[in-house]
Amino acid sequence: MSKTEVKDLIDQIDQLLFIRNLLGCHYNEWAESLSDSEVKQFAKTIQELYDKTFCEKCNTWISLTNLKNPVAECRCRHMSLNKV
């Protein structure tokens, strides 16, 4: 997905992935210094990625296609990701 239109979202999530460890997987004392805005930004970015990769119409995630463009699409082809 790093070569599609959601690349910026993926990059943001990668930069904030440590928040997942703090809140859900592994406790890290140093992470207690995170601000509320950092955590909210992480949650917002995850929601945006979900909105762009899960089709509520056919209830499927987008998946890779054999076509060059779009790169991925849902089962009903209502949603797709294109190369950037």
PDB file of N, CA and C in Angstrom:
ATOM      1  N   MET A   1       0.814  -1.192   0.000  1.00  0.00           N
ATOM      2  CA  MET A   1       0.000   0.000   0.000  1.00  0.00           C
ATOM      3  C   MET A   1       0.855   1.253   0.000  1.00  0.00           C
ATOM      4  N   SER A   2       2.163   1.086   0.146  1.00  0.00           N
ATOM      5  CA  SER A   2       3.037   2.253   0.201  1.00  0.00           C
ATOM      6  C   SER A   2       3.170   2.963  -1.144  1.00  0.00           C
ATOM      7  N   LYS A   3       2.655   2.365  -2.204  1.00  0.00           N
ATOM      8  CA  LYS A   3       2.711   3.005  -3.517  1.00  0.00           C
ATOM      9  C   LYS A   3       1.321   3.407  -4.003  1.00  0.00           C
ATOM     10  N   THR A   4       0.392   3.521  -3.047  1.00  0.00           N
ATOM     11  CA  THR A   4      -0.974   3.894  -3.402  1.00  0.00           C
ATOM     12  C   THR A   4      -1.333   5.236  -2.774  1.00  0.00           C
ATOM     13  N   GLU A   5      -2.557   5.630  -3.009  1.00  0.00           N
ATOM     14  CA  GLU A   5      -3.032   6.920  -2.510  1.00  0.00           C
ATOM     15  C   GLU A   5      -3.144   6.994  -0.991  1.00  0.00           C
ATOM     16  N   VAL A   6      -2.999   5.878  -0.280  1.00  0.00           N
ATOM     17  CA  VAL A   6      -3.029   5.902   1.190  1.00  0.00           C
ATOM     18  C   VAL A   6      -1.625   5.923   1.783  1.00  0.00           C
ATOM     19  N   LYS A   7      -0.619   6.157   0.966  1.00  0.00           N
ATOM     20  CA  LYS A   7       0.775   6.187   1.428  1.00  0.00           C
ATOM     21  C   LYS A   7       0.973   7.142   2.602  1.00  0.00           C
ATOM     22  N   ASP A   8       0.408   8.341   2.531  1.00  0.00           N
ATOM     23  CA  ASP A   8       0.571   9.313   3.624  1.00  0.00           C
ATOM     24  C   ASP A   8      -0.011   8.781   4.932  1.00  0.00           C
ATOM     25  N   LEU A   9      -1.164   8.109   4.852  1.00  0.00           N
ATOM     26  CA  LEU A   9      -1.761   7.531   6.062  1.00  0.00           C
ATOM     27  C   LEU A   9      -0.867   6.436   6.631  1.00  0.00           C
ATOM     28  N   ILE A  10      -0.346   5.596   5.769  1.00  0.00           N
ATOM     29  CA  ILE A  10       0.547   4.515   6.209  1.00  0.00           C
ATOM     30  C   ILE A  10       1.790   5.096   6.881  1.00  0.00           C
ATOM     31  N   ASP A  11       2.345   6.143   6.301  1.00  0.00           N
ATOM     32  CA  ASP A  11       3.530   6.782   6.891  1.00  0.00           C
ATOM     33  C   ASP A  11       3.216   7.358   8.266  1.00  0.00           C
ATOM     34  N   GLN A  12       2.057   8.014   8.402  1.00  0.00           N
ATOM     35  CA  GLN A  12       1.668   8.577   9.693  1.00  0.00           C
ATOM     36  C   GLN A  12       1.499   7.476  10.742  1.00  0.00           C
ATOM     37  N   ILE A  13       0.877   6.379  10.353  1.00  0.00           N
ATOM     38  CA  ILE A  13       0.674   5.265  11.282  1.00  0.00           C
ATOM     39  C   ILE A  13       2.019   4.685  11.700  1.00  0.00           C
ATOM     40  N   ASP A  14       2.929   4.523  10.756  1.00  0.00           N
ATOM     41  CA  ASP A  14       4.262   4.000  11.082  1.00  0.00           C
ATOM     42  C   ASP A  14       4.968   4.888  12.101  1.00  0.00           C
ATOM     43  N   GLN A  15       4.826   6.205  11.956  1.00  0.00           N
ATOM     44  CA  GLN A  15       5.485   7.130  12.874  1.00  0.00           C
ATOM     45  C   GLN A  15       4.884   7.079  14.272  1.00  0.00           C
ATOM     46  N   LEU A  16       3.615   6.710  14.373  1.00  0.00           N
ATOM     47  CA  LEU A  16       2.926   6.711  15.662  1.00  0.00           C
ATOM     48  C   LEU A  16       2.629   5.314  16.189  1.00  0.00           C
ATOM     49  N   LEU A  17       3.214   4.294  15.587  1.00  0.00           N
ATOM     50  CA  LEU A  17       2.890   2.924  15.955  1.00  0.00           C
ATOM     51  C   LEU A  17       3.215   2.600  17.413  1.00  0.00           C
ATOM     52  N   PHE A  18       4.144   3.303  17.996  1.00  0.00           N
ATOM     53  CA  PHE A  18       4.477   3.064  19.401  1.00  0.00           C
ATOM     54  C   PHE A  18       3.277   3.307  20.305  1.00  0.00           C
ATOM     55  N   ILE A  19       2.318   4.117  19.858  1.00  0.00           N
ATOM     56  CA  ILE A  19       1.117   4.379  20.661  1.00  0.00           C
ATOM     57  C   ILE A  19       0.321   3.086  20.838  1.00  0.00           C
ATOM     58  N   ARG A  20       0.295   2.248  19.813  1.00  0.00           N
ATOM     59  CA  ARG A  20      -0.394   0.964  19.909  1.00  0.00           C
ATOM     60  C   ARG A  20       0.210   0.138  21.040  1.00  0.00           C
ATOM     61  N   ASN A  21       1.525   0.152  21.144  1.00  0.00           N
ATOM     62  CA  ASN A  21       2.176  -0.607  22.208  1.00  0.00           C
ATOM     63  C   ASN A  21       1.810  -0.070  23.583  1.00  0.00           C
ATOM     64  N   LEU A  22       1.764   1.220  23.706  1.00  0.00           N
ATOM     65  CA  LEU A  22       1.429   1.817  24.995  1.00  0.00           C
ATOM     66  C   LEU A  22      -0.006   1.491  25.402  1.00  0.00           C
ATOM     67  N   LEU A  23      -0.938   1.626  24.472  1.00  0.00           N
ATOM     68  CA  LEU A  23      -2.347   1.505  24.813  1.00  0.00           C
ATOM     69  C   LEU A  23      -2.893   0.087  24.751  1.00  0.00           C
ATOM     70  N   GLY A  24      -2.266  -0.784  23.979  1.00  0.00           N
ATOM     71  CA  GLY A  24      -2.898  -2.068  23.814  1.00  0.00           C
ATOM     72  C   GLY A  24      -2.028  -3.288  23.995  1.00  0.00           C
ATOM     73  N   CYS A  25      -0.766  -3.170  23.762  1.00  0.00           N
ATOM     74  CA  CYS A  25       0.057  -4.391  23.733  1.00  0.00           C
ATOM     75  C   CYS A  25       1.096  -4.461  24.827  1.00  0.00           C
ATOM     76  N   HIS A  26       1.919  -3.461  24.914  1.00  0.00           N
ATOM     77  CA  HIS A  26       3.053  -3.507  25.829  1.00  0.00           C
ATOM     78  C   HIS A  26       3.164  -2.184  26.582  1.00  0.00           C
ATOM     79  N   TYR A  27       3.276  -2.257  27.868  1.00  0.00           N
ATOM     80  CA  TYR A  27       3.437  -1.047  28.656  1.00  0.00           C
ATOM     81  C   TYR A  27       4.880  -0.557  28.556  1.00  0.00           C
ATOM     82  N   ASN A  28       5.028   0.719  28.268  1.00  0.00           N
ATOM     83  CA  ASN A  28       6.339   1.364  28.249  1.00  0.00           C
ATOM     84  C   ASN A  28       6.241   2.639  29.068  1.00  0.00           C
ATOM     85  N   GLU A  29       6.993   2.718  30.151  1.00  0.00           N
ATOM     86  CA  GLU A  29       6.921   3.876  31.043  1.00  0.00           C
ATOM     87  C   GLU A  29       7.197   5.183  30.308  1.00  0.00           C
ATOM     88  N   TRP A  30       8.158   5.179  29.370  1.00  0.00           N
ATOM     89  CA  TRP A  30       8.509   6.398  28.638  1.00  0.00           C
ATOM     90  C   TRP A  30       7.344   6.932  27.812  1.00  0.00           C
ATOM     91  N   ALA A  31       6.430   6.047  27.439  1.00  0.00           N
ATOM     92  CA  ALA A  31       5.321   6.468  26.583  1.00  0.00           C
ATOM     93  C   ALA A  31       4.242   7.238  27.340  1.00  0.00           C
ATOM     94  N   GLU A  32       4.336   7.276  28.662  1.00  0.00           N
ATOM     95  CA  GLU A  32       3.344   8.019  29.443  1.00  0.00           C
ATOM     96  C   GLU A  32       3.399   9.514  29.159  1.00  0.00           C
ATOM     97  N   SER A  33       4.467   9.968  28.553  1.00  0.00           N
ATOM     98  CA  SER A  33       4.598  11.396  28.251  1.00  0.00           C
ATOM     99  C   SER A  33       3.872  11.802  26.970  1.00  0.00           C
ATOM    100  N   LEU A  34       3.198  10.880  26.318  1.00  0.00           N
ATOM    101  CA  LEU A  34       2.455  11.215  25.101  1.00  0.00           C
ATOM    102  C   LEU A  34       1.315  12.169  25.414  1.00  0.00           C
ATOM    103  N   SER A  35       1.081  13.068  24.502  1.00  0.00           N
ATOM    104  CA  SER A  35      -0.028  14.007  24.697  1.00  0.00           C
ATOM    105  C   SER A  35      -1.334  13.399  24.189  1.00  0.00           C
ATOM    106  N   ASP A  36      -2.432  13.960  24.671  1.00  0.00           N
ATOM    107  CA  ASP A  36      -3.745  13.527  24.196  1.00  0.00           C
ATOM    108  C   ASP A  36      -3.864  13.737  22.692  1.00  0.00           C
ATOM    109  N   SER A  37      -3.305  14.828  22.190  1.00  0.00           N
ATOM    110  CA  SER A  37      -3.417  15.112  20.759  1.00  0.00           C
ATOM    111  C   SER A  37      -2.673  14.078  19.916  1.00  0.00           C
ATOM    112  N   GLU A  38      -1.547  13.555  20.406  1.00  0.00           N
ATOM    113  CA  GLU A  38      -0.823  12.511  19.678  1.00  0.00           C
ATOM    114  C   GLU A  38      -1.656  11.230  19.593  1.00  0.00           C
ATOM    115  N   VAL A  39      -2.278  10.869  20.693  1.00  0.00           N
ATOM    116  CA  VAL A  39      -3.104   9.667  20.716  1.00  0.00           C
ATOM    117  C   VAL A  39      -4.334   9.858  19.827  1.00  0.00           C
ATOM    118  N   LYS A  40      -4.950  11.022  19.884  1.00  0.00           N
ATOM    119  CA  LYS A  40      -6.126  11.290  19.047  1.00  0.00           C
ATOM    120  C   LYS A  40      -5.752  11.296  17.573  1.00  0.00           C
ATOM    121  N   GLN A  41      -4.587  11.828  17.231  1.00  0.00           N
ATOM    122  CA  GLN A  41      -4.144  11.831  15.839  1.00  0.00           C
ATOM    123  C   GLN A  41      -3.927  10.417  15.336  1.00  0.00           C
ATOM    124  N   PHE A  42      -3.348   9.566  16.175  1.00  0.00           N
ATOM    125  CA  PHE A  42      -3.150   8.168  15.809  1.00  0.00           C
ATOM    126  C   PHE A  42      -4.501   7.498  15.542  1.00  0.00           C
ATOM    127  N   ALA A  43      -5.459   7.688  16.434  1.00  0.00           N
ATOM    128  CA  ALA A  43      -6.787   7.087  16.272  1.00  0.00           C
ATOM    129  C   ALA A  43      -7.467   7.611  15.008  1.00  0.00           C
ATOM    130  N   LYS A  44      -7.351   8.895  14.744  1.00  0.00           N
ATOM    131  CA  LYS A  44      -7.954   9.495  13.553  1.00  0.00           C
ATOM    132  C   LYS A  44      -7.340   8.902  12.279  1.00  0.00           C
ATOM    133  N   THR A  45      -6.036   8.711  12.289  1.00  0.00           N
ATOM    134  CA  THR A  45      -5.358   8.164  11.123  1.00  0.00           C
ATOM    135  C   THR A  45      -5.763   6.710  10.884  1.00  0.00           C
ATOM    136  N   ILE A  46      -5.884   5.930  11.948  1.00  0.00           N
ATOM    137  CA  ILE A  46      -6.336   4.544  11.817  1.00  0.00           C
ATOM    138  C   ILE A  46      -7.757   4.516  11.252  1.00  0.00           C
ATOM    139  N   GLN A  47      -8.626   5.406  11.722  1.00  0.00           N
ATOM    140  CA  GLN A  47     -10.003   5.462  11.221  1.00  0.00           C
ATOM    141  C   GLN A  47     -10.021   5.831   9.740  1.00  0.00           C
ATOM    142  N   GLU A  48      -9.185   6.770   9.332  1.00  0.00           N
ATOM    143  CA  GLU A  48      -9.112   7.154   7.923  1.00  0.00           C
ATOM    144  C   GLU A  48      -8.660   5.988   7.052  1.00  0.00           C
ATOM    145  N   LEU A  49      -7.675   5.233   7.527  1.00  0.00           N
ATOM    146  CA  LEU A  49      -7.208   4.071   6.773  1.00  0.00           C
ATOM    147  C   LEU A  49      -8.326   3.036   6.652  1.00  0.00           C
ATOM    148  N   TYR A  50      -9.030   2.790   7.729  1.00  0.00           N
ATOM    149  CA  TYR A  50     -10.170   1.866   7.705  1.00  0.00           C
ATOM    150  C   TYR A  50     -11.201   2.329   6.672  1.00  0.00           C
ATOM    151  N   ASP A  51     -11.539   3.613   6.712  1.00  0.00           N
ATOM    152  CA  ASP A  51     -12.546   4.150   5.799  1.00  0.00           C
ATOM    153  C   ASP A  51     -12.154   3.992   4.331  1.00  0.00           C
ATOM    154  N   LYS A  52     -10.860   3.983   4.058  1.00  0.00           N
ATOM    155  CA  LYS A  52     -10.383   3.876   2.677  1.00  0.00           C
ATOM    156  C   LYS A  52     -10.081   2.448   2.246  1.00  0.00           C
ATOM    157  N   THR A  53     -10.167   1.495   3.184  1.00  0.00           N
ATOM    158  CA  THR A  53      -9.800   0.122   2.838  1.00  0.00           C
ATOM    159  C   THR A  53     -10.867  -0.923   3.158  1.00  0.00           C
ATOM    160  N   PHE A  54     -11.957  -0.535   3.798  1.00  0.00           N
ATOM    161  CA  PHE A  54     -13.044  -1.476   4.083  1.00  0.00           C
ATOM    162  C   PHE A  54     -14.327  -0.959   3.459  1.00  0.00           C
ATOM    163  N   CYS A  55     -14.935  -1.787   2.628  1.00  0.00           N
ATOM    164  CA  CYS A  55     -16.169  -1.385   1.939  1.00  0.00           C
ATOM    165  C   CYS A  55     -17.378  -1.786   2.770  1.00  0.00           C
ATOM    166  N   GLU A  56     -18.129  -0.808   3.202  1.00  0.00           N
ATOM    167  CA  GLU A  56     -19.340  -1.059   3.984  1.00  0.00           C
ATOM    168  C   GLU A  56     -20.447  -1.614   3.085  1.00  0.00           C
ATOM    169  N   LYS A  57     -20.340  -1.401   1.789  1.00  0.00           N
ATOM    170  CA  LYS A  57     -21.360  -1.859   0.834  1.00  0.00           C
ATOM    171  C   LYS A  57     -21.338  -3.386   0.685  1.00  0.00           C
ATOM    172  N   CYS A  58     -20.150  -3.964   0.517  1.00  0.00           N
ATOM    173  CA  CYS A  58     -20.054  -5.424   0.346  1.00  0.00           C
ATOM    174  C   CYS A  58     -19.394  -6.102   1.548  1.00  0.00           C
ATOM    175  N   ASN A  59     -19.055  -5.330   2.581  1.00  0.00           N
ATOM    176  CA  ASN A  59     -18.451  -5.847   3.817  1.00  0.00           C
ATOM    177  C   ASN A  59     -17.168  -6.636   3.572  1.00  0.00           C
ATOM    178  N   THR A  60     -16.314  -6.102   2.697  1.00  0.00           N
ATOM    179  CA  THR A  60     -15.025  -6.737   2.450  1.00  0.00           C
ATOM    180  C   THR A  60     -13.923  -5.688   2.478  1.00  0.00           C
ATOM    181  N   TRP A  61     -12.723  -6.168   2.803  1.00  0.00           N
ATOM    182  CA  TRP A  61     -11.539  -5.325   2.717  1.00  0.00           C
ATOM    183  C   TRP A  61     -11.113  -5.258   1.271  1.00  0.00           C
ATOM    184  N   ILE A  62     -10.476  -4.188   0.899  1.00  0.00           N
ATOM    185  CA  ILE A  62      -9.903  -4.156  -0.434  1.00  0.00           C
ATOM    186  C   ILE A  62      -8.782  -5.183  -0.495  1.00  0.00           C
ATOM    187  N   SER A  63      -8.558  -5.724  -1.671  1.00  0.00           N
ATOM    188  CA  SER A  63      -7.475  -6.697  -1.822  1.00  0.00           C
ATOM    189  C   SER A  63      -6.787  -6.458  -3.159  1.00  0.00           C
ATOM    190  N   LEU A  64      -5.604  -7.001  -3.279  1.00  0.00           N
ATOM    191  CA  LEU A  64      -4.820  -6.803  -4.486  1.00  0.00           C
ATOM    192  C   LEU A  64      -5.552  -7.328  -5.711  1.00  0.00           C
ATOM    193  N   THR A  65      -5.346  -6.653  -6.821  1.00  0.00           N
ATOM    194  CA  THR A  65      -5.929  -7.084  -8.090  1.00  0.00           C
ATOM    195  C   THR A  65      -4.814  -7.513  -9.029  1.00  0.00           C
ATOM    196  N   ASN A  66      -5.179  -8.150 -10.088  1.00  0.00           N
ATOM    197  CA  ASN A  66      -4.207  -8.521 -11.112  1.00  0.00           C
ATOM    198  C   ASN A  66      -3.958  -7.359 -12.068  1.00  0.00           C
ATOM    199  N   LEU A  67      -4.762  -6.338 -11.943  1.00  0.00           N
ATOM    200  CA  LEU A  67      -4.638  -5.181 -12.815  1.00  0.00           C
ATOM    201  C   LEU A  67      -3.539  -4.257 -12.323  1.00  0.00           C
ATOM    202  N   LYS A  68      -2.993  -3.457 -13.189  1.00  0.00           N
ATOM    203  CA  LYS A  68      -1.969  -2.496 -12.778  1.00  0.00           C
ATOM    204  C   LYS A  68      -2.598  -1.323 -12.035  1.00  0.00           C
ATOM    205  N   ASN A  69      -3.762  -0.921 -12.461  1.00  0.00           N
ATOM    206  CA  ASN A  69      -4.449   0.189 -11.802  1.00  0.00           C
ATOM    207  C   ASN A  69      -5.942  -0.072 -11.888  1.00  0.00           C
ATOM    208  N   PRO A  70      -6.706  -0.211 -10.871  1.00  0.00           N
ATOM    209  CA  PRO A  70      -6.329   0.014  -9.480  1.00  0.00           C
ATOM    210  C   PRO A  70      -5.447  -1.101  -8.931  1.00  0.00           C
ATOM    211  N   VAL A  71      -4.734  -0.773  -7.890  1.00  0.00           N
ATOM    212  CA  VAL A  71      -3.848  -1.724  -7.227  1.00  0.00           C
ATOM    213  C   VAL A  71      -4.659  -2.695  -6.376  1.00  0.00           C
ATOM    214  N   ALA A  72      -5.705  -2.192  -5.748  1.00  0.00           N
ATOM    215  CA  ALA A  72      -6.546  -3.007  -4.873  1.00  0.00           C
ATOM    216  C   ALA A  72      -7.979  -2.510  -4.974  1.00  0.00           C
ATOM    217  N   GLU A  73      -8.906  -3.431  -4.768  1.00  0.00           N
ATOM    218  CA  GLU A  73     -10.316  -3.048  -4.788  1.00  0.00           C
ATOM    219  C   GLU A  73     -11.133  -4.027  -3.957  1.00  0.00           C
ATOM    220  N   CYS A  74     -12.336  -3.615  -3.585  1.00  0.00           N
ATOM    221  CA  CYS A  74     -13.213  -4.488  -2.819  1.00  0.00           C
ATOM    222  C   CYS A  74     -13.934  -5.437  -3.783  1.00  0.00           C
ATOM    223  N   ARG A  75     -14.670  -6.357  -3.227  1.00  0.00           N
ATOM    224  CA  ARG A  75     -15.355  -7.375  -4.030  1.00  0.00           C
ATOM    225  C   ARG A  75     -16.352  -6.762  -5.020  1.00  0.00           C
ATOM    226  N   CYS A  76     -17.092  -5.746  -4.589  1.00  0.00           N
ATOM    227  CA  CYS A  76     -18.103  -5.152  -5.468  1.00  0.00           C
ATOM    228  C   CYS A  76     -17.536  -4.021  -6.335  1.00  0.00           C
ATOM    229  N   ARG A  77     -16.252  -3.737  -6.173  1.00  0.00           N
ATOM    230  CA  ARG A  77     -15.539  -2.703  -6.931  1.00  0.00           C
ATOM    231  C   ARG A  77     -16.040  -1.287  -6.651  1.00  0.00           C
ATOM    232  N   HIS A  78     -16.713  -1.132  -5.533  1.00  0.00           N
ATOM    233  CA  HIS A  78     -17.162   0.199  -5.112  1.00  0.00           C
ATOM    234  C   HIS A  78     -15.988   1.034  -4.600  1.00  0.00           C
ATOM    235  N   MET A  79     -15.000   0.349  -3.993  1.00  0.00           N
ATOM    236  CA  MET A  79     -13.829   1.023  -3.438  1.00  0.00           C
ATOM    237  C   MET A  79     -12.583   0.468  -4.098  1.00  0.00           C
ATOM    238  N   SER A  80     -11.615   1.354  -4.327  1.00  0.00           N
ATOM    239  CA  SER A  80     -10.344   0.903  -4.889  1.00  0.00           C
ATOM    240  C   SER A  80      -9.231   1.858  -4.477  1.00  0.00           C
ATOM    241  N   LEU A  81      -8.014   1.376  -4.578  1.00  0.00           N
ATOM    242  CA  LEU A  81      -6.820   2.193  -4.359  1.00  0.00           C
ATOM    243  C   LEU A  81      -6.055   2.230  -5.652  1.00  0.00           C
ATOM    244  N   ASN A  82      -5.574   3.395  -5.990  1.00  0.00           N
ATOM    245  CA  ASN A  82      -4.797   3.571  -7.213  1.00  0.00           C
ATOM    246  C   ASN A  82      -3.356   3.895  -6.872  1.00  0.00           C
ATOM    247  N   LYS A  83      -2.484   3.603  -7.814  1.00  0.00           N
ATOM    248  CA  LYS A  83      -1.075   3.973  -7.644  1.00  0.00           C
ATOM    249  C   LYS A  83      -0.958   5.490  -7.646  1.00  0.00           C
ATOM    250  N   VAL A  84       0.048   5.966  -6.951  1.00  0.00           N
ATOM    251  CA  VAL A  84       0.324   7.407  -6.967  1.00  0.00           C
ATOM    252  C   VAL A  84       1.583   7.684  -7.740  1.00  0.00           C
TER     253      VAL A  84
END
